[in-house]
N, C-alpha and C. Protein backbone atom coordinates (compact mmCIF):
# COMPACT_ATOMS: atom_id res chain seq x y z
N MET A 1 65.74 106.82 114.39
CA MET A 1 67.15 106.63 114.11
C MET A 1 67.88 107.95 114.28
N LYS A 2 69.04 107.89 114.87
CA LYS A 2 69.84 109.08 115.15
C LYS A 2 70.60 109.52 113.89
N ALA A 3 70.63 110.80 113.62
CA ALA A 3 71.35 111.34 112.47
C ALA A 3 72.86 111.24 112.73
N PRO A 4 73.65 110.96 111.68
CA PRO A 4 75.10 110.89 111.88
C PRO A 4 75.67 112.25 112.26
N SER A 5 76.70 112.22 113.07
CA SER A 5 77.32 113.48 113.50
C SER A 5 78.05 114.11 112.32
N PRO A 6 78.19 115.43 112.33
CA PRO A 6 78.90 116.09 111.24
C PRO A 6 80.36 115.64 111.13
N PHE A 7 80.97 115.28 112.26
CA PHE A 7 82.35 114.82 112.23
C PHE A 7 82.48 113.57 111.37
N TRP A 8 81.64 112.56 111.61
CA TRP A 8 81.74 111.30 110.86
C TRP A 8 81.27 111.46 109.42
N ALA A 9 80.32 112.38 109.20
CA ALA A 9 79.87 112.63 107.83
C ALA A 9 81.01 113.21 106.98
N LEU A 10 81.86 114.02 107.60
CA LEU A 10 82.97 114.64 106.88
C LEU A 10 84.21 113.77 106.84
N TRP A 11 84.56 113.14 107.97
CA TRP A 11 85.84 112.47 108.12
C TRP A 11 85.76 110.95 108.10
N GLY A 12 84.59 110.36 107.97
CA GLY A 12 84.46 108.91 108.03
C GLY A 12 85.29 108.17 106.99
N TRP A 13 85.07 108.48 105.71
CA TRP A 13 85.80 107.77 104.66
C TRP A 13 87.28 108.10 104.61
N PRO A 14 87.69 109.36 104.82
CA PRO A 14 89.14 109.60 104.88
C PRO A 14 89.84 108.83 106.00
N ILE A 15 89.18 108.67 107.15
CA ILE A 15 89.77 107.89 108.23
C ILE A 15 89.88 106.42 107.84
N VAL A 16 88.84 105.89 107.21
CA VAL A 16 88.88 104.49 106.76
C VAL A 16 90.02 104.28 105.77
N LEU A 17 90.18 105.18 104.81
CA LEU A 17 91.26 105.05 103.83
C LEU A 17 92.63 105.21 104.49
N ALA A 18 92.74 106.08 105.49
CA ALA A 18 94.02 106.25 106.19
C ALA A 18 94.40 105.00 106.97
N VAL A 19 93.43 104.39 107.66
CA VAL A 19 93.71 103.16 108.42
C VAL A 19 94.08 102.04 107.46
N LEU A 20 93.37 101.95 106.35
CA LEU A 20 93.68 100.93 105.34
C LEU A 20 95.10 101.11 104.81
N THR A 21 95.47 102.34 104.50
CA THR A 21 96.81 102.62 104.00
C THR A 21 97.87 102.30 105.05
N ALA A 22 97.63 102.69 106.29
CA ALA A 22 98.61 102.44 107.36
C ALA A 22 98.81 100.94 107.58
N THR A 23 97.72 100.17 107.61
CA THR A 23 97.88 98.72 107.79
C THR A 23 98.59 98.10 106.59
N GLY A 24 98.34 98.62 105.41
CA GLY A 24 99.04 98.11 104.22
C GLY A 24 100.52 98.39 104.27
N LEU A 25 100.89 99.58 104.71
CA LEU A 25 102.32 99.92 104.80
C LEU A 25 103.03 99.07 105.85
N VAL A 26 102.41 98.93 107.01
CA VAL A 26 103.03 98.12 108.07
C VAL A 26 103.12 96.66 107.62
N SER A 27 102.08 96.16 107.00
CA SER A 27 102.08 94.78 106.52
C SER A 27 103.16 94.56 105.47
N ALA A 28 103.37 95.53 104.60
CA ALA A 28 104.41 95.41 103.57
C ALA A 28 105.80 95.38 104.19
N LEU A 29 105.97 96.05 105.31
CA LEU A 29 107.29 96.10 105.94
C LEU A 29 107.62 94.87 106.77
N VAL A 30 106.63 94.28 107.43
CA VAL A 30 106.94 93.24 108.40
C VAL A 30 106.41 91.85 108.06
N SER A 31 105.65 91.70 107.00
CA SER A 31 105.04 90.39 106.73
C SER A 31 105.55 89.79 105.43
N ASP A 32 105.33 88.50 105.32
CA ASP A 32 105.58 87.77 104.08
C ASP A 32 104.31 87.03 103.70
N THR A 33 104.28 86.52 102.51
CA THR A 33 103.16 85.74 101.94
C THR A 33 101.84 86.47 102.08
N TRP A 34 101.01 86.14 103.10
CA TRP A 34 99.69 86.77 103.20
C TRP A 34 99.81 88.27 103.42
N GLY A 35 100.86 88.72 104.09
CA GLY A 35 101.06 90.15 104.32
C GLY A 35 101.33 90.90 103.03
N ASP A 36 102.03 90.25 102.10
CA ASP A 36 102.26 90.87 100.80
C ASP A 36 100.94 91.07 100.05
N TRP A 37 100.08 90.07 100.13
CA TRP A 37 98.77 90.19 99.47
C TRP A 37 97.94 91.29 100.12
N TRP A 38 97.94 91.33 101.44
CA TRP A 38 97.18 92.38 102.13
C TRP A 38 97.74 93.76 101.78
N ALA A 39 99.06 93.88 101.70
CA ALA A 39 99.66 95.17 101.37
C ALA A 39 99.22 95.63 99.98
N TRP A 40 99.21 94.72 99.01
CA TRP A 40 98.76 95.07 97.66
C TRP A 40 97.32 95.56 97.68
N CYS A 41 96.45 94.86 98.37
CA CYS A 41 95.03 95.24 98.43
C CYS A 41 94.84 96.54 99.21
N ALA A 42 95.49 96.62 100.37
CA ALA A 42 95.30 97.78 101.24
C ALA A 42 95.89 99.05 100.65
N LEU A 43 96.92 98.94 99.85
CA LEU A 43 97.50 100.13 99.21
C LEU A 43 96.90 100.39 97.84
N GLY A 44 96.38 99.36 97.21
CA GLY A 44 95.77 99.53 95.90
C GLY A 44 94.40 100.17 95.95
N LEU A 45 93.61 99.84 96.95
CA LEU A 45 92.26 100.37 97.04
C LEU A 45 92.23 101.90 97.20
N PRO A 46 93.00 102.49 98.11
CA PRO A 46 93.02 103.96 98.15
C PRO A 46 93.53 104.59 96.86
N THR A 47 94.46 103.92 96.20
CA THR A 47 94.96 104.43 94.92
C THR A 47 93.85 104.44 93.88
N LEU A 48 93.05 103.38 93.85
CA LEU A 48 91.91 103.33 92.93
C LEU A 48 90.88 104.41 93.25
N VAL A 49 90.61 104.62 94.52
CA VAL A 49 89.65 105.65 94.93
C VAL A 49 90.14 107.03 94.49
N MET A 50 91.43 107.32 94.70
CA MET A 50 91.97 108.61 94.28
C MET A 50 91.92 108.77 92.77
N GLY A 51 92.24 107.70 92.05
CA GLY A 51 92.16 107.75 90.59
C GLY A 51 90.75 107.97 90.09
N TRP A 52 89.79 107.34 90.75
CA TRP A 52 88.38 107.50 90.37
C TRP A 52 87.94 108.96 90.53
N HIS A 53 88.32 109.57 91.64
CA HIS A 53 87.91 110.95 91.88
C HIS A 53 88.72 111.96 91.07
N ALA A 54 89.89 111.59 90.59
CA ALA A 54 90.71 112.49 89.79
C ALA A 54 90.38 112.40 88.30
N TRP A 55 89.67 111.36 87.89
CA TRP A 55 89.36 111.15 86.48
C TRP A 55 88.46 112.28 85.98
N PRO A 56 88.80 112.91 84.85
CA PRO A 56 87.97 114.01 84.34
C PRO A 56 86.58 113.50 83.93
N ARG A 57 85.59 114.26 84.26
CA ARG A 57 84.21 113.91 83.94
C ARG A 57 83.70 114.81 82.81
N LYS A 58 82.71 114.31 82.08
CA LYS A 58 82.05 115.13 81.08
C LYS A 58 81.17 116.14 81.80
N ARG A 59 81.11 117.32 81.26
CA ARG A 59 80.24 118.33 81.83
C ARG A 59 78.82 118.09 81.34
N SER A 60 77.86 118.31 82.20
CA SER A 60 76.47 118.18 81.78
C SER A 60 76.07 119.44 81.02
N ARG A 61 75.00 119.35 80.27
CA ARG A 61 74.56 120.50 79.48
C ARG A 61 74.17 121.67 80.36
N SER A 62 73.66 121.41 81.54
CA SER A 62 73.26 122.51 82.43
C SER A 62 74.49 123.29 82.91
N GLN A 63 75.65 122.65 82.99
CA GLN A 63 76.86 123.36 83.41
C GLN A 63 77.47 124.16 82.26
N ASP A 64 77.17 123.77 81.01
CA ASP A 64 77.71 124.47 79.85
C ASP A 64 76.94 125.75 79.52
N ALA A 65 75.71 125.87 80.01
CA ALA A 65 74.88 127.03 79.69
C ALA A 65 75.44 128.28 80.35
N PRO A 66 75.46 129.40 79.61
CA PRO A 66 75.93 130.65 80.21
C PRO A 66 74.97 131.14 81.29
N ARG A 67 75.53 131.83 82.25
CA ARG A 67 74.68 132.32 83.35
C ARG A 67 74.42 133.79 83.22
């Protein structure tokens, strides 16, 4: 099996979230009914991902030890 390229390892998920956001924005502007639902999902998912990564985490004991 071929190893993933460094480009996709670094930029894969940000590109996926950007495409999802762009389709959500376009759908919110030009669609009704199903487009409104898609816009909510497509714009909500990146927001949840950002919130998940911004949430403060507890420090582990190994990080609290002086060096």
